C-alpha atoms as a PDB file:
ATOM      1  CA  UNK A   1    -113.479 -43.378-151.377  1.00  0.00           C
ATOM      2  CA  UNK A   2    -110.951 -43.702-154.481  1.00  0.00           C
ATOM      3  CA  UNK A   3    -108.535 -46.254-154.673  1.00  0.00           C
ATOM      4  CA  UNK A   4    -105.937 -43.776-154.838  1.00  0.00           C
ATOM      5  CA  UNK A   5    -107.445 -42.326-151.447  1.00  0.00           C
ATOM      6  CA  UNK A   6    -107.477 -45.655-150.002  1.00  0.00           C
ATOM      7  CA  UNK A   7    -103.898 -46.392-151.100  1.00  0.00           C
ATOM      8  CA  UNK A   8    -102.614 -43.250-149.655  1.00  0.00           C
ATOM      9  CA  UNK A   9    -104.225 -43.914-146.356  1.00  0.00           C
ATOM     10  CA  UNK A  10    -102.854 -46.929-146.178  1.00  0.00           C
ATOM     11  CA  UNK A  11     -99.330 -45.392-146.769  1.00  0.00           C
ATOM     12  CA  UNK A  12     -99.991 -42.556-144.249  1.00  0.00           C
ATOM     13  CA  UNK A  13    -100.934 -45.057-141.124  1.00  0.00           C
ATOM     14  CA  UNK A  14     -97.387 -46.158-142.025  1.00  0.00           C
ATOM     15  CA  UNK A  15     -96.113 -42.647-142.645  1.00  0.00           C
ATOM     16  CA  UNK A  16     -98.080 -40.379-140.297  1.00  0.00           C
ATOM     17  CA  UNK A  17     -96.059 -37.202-140.950  1.00  0.00           C
ATOM     18  CA  UNK A  18     -96.751 -34.810-143.748  1.00  0.00           C
ATOM     19  CA  UNK A  19     -94.797 -32.461-145.349  1.00  0.00           C
ATOM     20  CA  UNK A  20     -95.388 -29.608-147.995  1.00  0.00           C
ATOM     21  CA  UNK A  21     -91.972 -28.305-147.982  1.00  0.00           C
ATOM     22  CA  UNK A  22     -89.046 -29.994-149.169  1.00  0.00           C
ATOM     23  CA  UNK A  23     -86.425 -27.886-147.217  1.00  0.00           C
ATOM     24  CA  UNK A  24     -88.130 -29.095-143.887  1.00  0.00           C
ATOM     25  CA  UNK A  25     -88.316 -33.070-144.187  1.00  0.00           C
ATOM     26  CA  UNK A  26     -88.839 -35.336-141.311  1.00  0.00           C
ATOM     27  CA  UNK A  27     -87.085 -38.848-141.933  1.00  0.00           C
ATOM     28  CA  UNK A  28     -89.979 -41.080-143.089  1.00  0.00           C
ATOM     29  CA  UNK A  29     -92.680 -38.736-143.786  1.00  0.00           C
ATOM     30  CA  UNK A  30     -94.920 -38.123-147.166  1.00  0.00           C
ATOM     31  CA  UNK A  31     -94.027 -35.132-148.953  1.00  0.00           C
ATOM     32  CA  UNK A  32     -96.806 -33.523-151.130  1.00  0.00           C
ATOM     33  CA  UNK A  33     -95.527 -31.466-153.808  1.00  0.00           C
ATOM     34  CA  UNK A  34     -98.015 -28.505-153.935  1.00  0.00           C
ATOM     35  CA  UNK A  35     -98.211 -26.432-156.820  1.00  0.00           C
ATOM     36  CA  UNK A  36     -99.009 -22.371-157.113  1.00  0.00           C
ATOM     37  CA  UNK A  37     -98.690 -19.747-159.304  1.00  0.00           C
ATOM     38  CA  UNK A  38     -95.015 -19.353-159.063  1.00  0.00           C
ATOM     39  CA  UNK A  39     -93.840 -22.836-157.980  1.00  0.00           C
ATOM     40  CA  UNK A  40     -94.236 -26.671-158.864  1.00  0.00           C
ATOM     41  CA  UNK A  41     -93.648 -28.998-155.836  1.00  0.00           C
ATOM     42  CA  UNK A  42     -93.203 -31.422-157.850  1.00  0.00           C
ATOM     43  CA  UNK A  43     -90.140 -30.598-159.064  1.00  0.00           C
ATOM     44  CA  UNK A  44     -88.582 -30.997-155.622  1.00  0.00           C
ATOM     45  CA  UNK A  45     -89.721 -34.342-155.101  1.00  0.00           C
ATOM     46  CA  UNK A  46     -86.084 -36.215-155.923  1.00  0.00           C
ATOM     47  CA  UNK A  47     -84.860 -33.602-153.177  1.00  0.00           C
ATOM     48  CA  UNK A  48     -87.811 -34.501-150.457  1.00  0.00           C
ATOM     49  CA  UNK A  49     -86.864 -37.982-150.964  1.00  0.00           C
ATOM     50  CA  UNK A  50     -83.093 -37.563-150.613  1.00  0.00           C
ATOM     51  CA  UNK A  51     -83.621 -35.950-147.641  1.00  0.00           C
ATOM     52  CA  UNK A  52     -85.682 -38.600-145.838  1.00  0.00           C
ATOM     53  CA  UNK A  53     -89.059 -38.403-146.980  1.00  0.00           C
ATOM     54  CA  UNK A  54     -90.507 -42.159-147.645  1.00  0.00           C
ATOM     55  CA  UNK A  55     -92.974 -40.989-150.296  1.00  0.00           C
ATOM     56  CA  UNK A  56     -93.735 -37.879-152.790  1.00  0.00           C
ATOM     57  CA  UNK A  57     -97.131 -37.214-154.199  1.00  0.00           C
ATOM     58  CA  UNK A  58     -96.873 -35.374-157.014  1.00  0.00           C
ATOM     59  CA  UNK A  59     -99.202 -34.575-160.143  1.00  0.00           C
ATOM     60  CA  UNK A  60     -96.315 -34.424-162.817  1.00  0.00           C
ATOM     61  CA  UNK A  61     -95.855 -37.835-164.024  1.00  0.00           C
ATOM     62  CA  UNK A  62     -92.627 -36.859-165.731  1.00  0.00           C
ATOM     63  CA  UNK A  63     -91.163 -36.762-162.561  1.00  0.00           C
ATOM     64  CA  UNK A  64     -91.884 -40.176-161.633  1.00  0.00           C
ATOM     65  CA  UNK A  65     -88.755 -42.198-161.177  1.00  0.00           C
ATOM     66  CA  UNK A  66     -89.317 -45.078-159.107  1.00  0.00           C
ATOM     67  CA  UNK A  67     -91.991 -46.684-156.584  1.00  0.00           C
ATOM     68  CA  UNK A  68     -91.288 -43.956-153.798  1.00  0.00           C
ATOM     69  CA  UNK A  69     -93.305 -41.542-156.501  1.00  0.00           C
ATOM     70  CA  UNK A  70     -97.041 -41.781-155.950  1.00  0.00           C
ATOM     71  CA  UNK A  71     -98.504 -39.951-158.728  1.00  0.00           C
ATOM     72  CA  UNK A  72    -102.049 -38.463-158.809  1.00  0.00           C
ATOM     73  CA  UNK A  73    -104.323 -35.890-160.712  1.00  0.00           C
ATOM     74  CA  UNK A  74    -103.956 -33.047-158.511  1.00  0.00           C
ATOM     75  CA  UNK A  75    -101.744 -32.718-155.014  1.00  0.00           C
ATOM     76  CA  UNK A  76    -103.562 -30.171-153.322  1.00  0.00           C
ATOM     77  CA  UNK A  77    -107.410 -32.274-153.965  1.00  0.00           C
ATOM     78  CA  UNK A  78    -105.582 -35.492-153.031  1.00  0.00           C
ATOM     79  CA  UNK A  79    -104.292 -33.990-149.604  1.00  0.00           C
ATOM     80  CA  UNK A  80    -107.363 -32.298-148.619  1.00  0.00           C
ATOM     81  CA  UNK A  81    -109.475 -35.626-149.607  1.00  0.00           C
ATOM     82  CA  UNK A  82    -106.895 -37.294-147.213  1.00  0.00           C
ATOM     83  CA  UNK A  83    -107.508 -34.779-144.477  1.00  0.00           C
ATOM     84  CA  UNK A  84    -111.116 -34.711-144.978  1.00  0.00           C
ATOM     85  CA  UNK A  85    -110.868 -38.901-144.503  1.00  0.00           C
ATOM     86  CA  UNK A  86    -109.204 -38.386-141.584  1.00  0.00           C
ATOM     87  CA  UNK A  87    -111.074 -35.789-140.009  1.00  0.00           C
ATOM     88  CA  UNK A  88    -113.887 -38.096-140.434  1.00  0.00           C
ATOM     89  CA  UNK A  89    -112.504 -41.350-139.289  1.00  0.00           C
ATOM     90  CA  UNK A  90    -111.647 -39.122-136.000  1.00  0.00           C
ATOM     91  CA  UNK A  91    -114.844 -37.917-135.613  1.00  0.00           C
ATOM     92  CA  UNK A  92    -116.251 -41.193-135.829  1.00  0.00           C
ATOM     93  CA  UNK A  93    -114.226 -42.700-133.221  1.00  0.00           C
ATOM     94  CA  UNK A  94    -114.850 -39.590-130.764  1.00  0.00           C
ATOM     95  CA  UNK A  95    -118.922 -40.297-131.529  1.00  0.00           C
ATOM     96  CA  UNK A  96    -118.474 -44.218-130.898  1.00  0.00           C
ATOM     97  CA  UNK A  97    -116.260 -44.016-127.724  1.00  0.00           C
ATOM     98  CA  UNK A  98    -118.469 -41.421-125.825  1.00  0.00           C
ATOM     99  CA  UNK A  99    -115.866 -38.883-125.915  1.00  0.00           C
ATOM    100  CA  UNK A 100    -117.517 -36.798-128.017  1.00  0.00           C
ATOM    101  CA  UNK A 101    -121.546 -36.482-127.550  1.00  0.00           C
ATOM    102  CA  UNK A 102    -124.015 -35.345-130.517  1.00  0.00           C
ATOM    103  CA  UNK A 103    -126.684 -32.830-129.641  1.00  0.00           C
ATOM    104  CA  UNK A 104    -130.087 -33.209-131.015  1.00  0.00           C
ATOM    105  CA  UNK A 105    -132.921 -30.952-130.983  1.00  0.00           C
END
């Protein structure tokens, strides 16, 4: 796991809610400023933080203003990596607890 992903995972443990819409921020969440063909969510990071987000994950360094901004190369890729890491941790936990049994042939 990269240092960036590890740092973001540690932040997620303290702020376990994620939002990708700056208009629907839950206080204390992590905002991911996704990009699309006609929008750039990083441009709404300040709005998300003002609305109560704890951290704004962006890939536009010029939008970085203080320590609440977490700059990555690609927001979508980072969100997908975090999601994958979280799913694997939960899967491993289920397997070790015996709540989820694997099938072998």
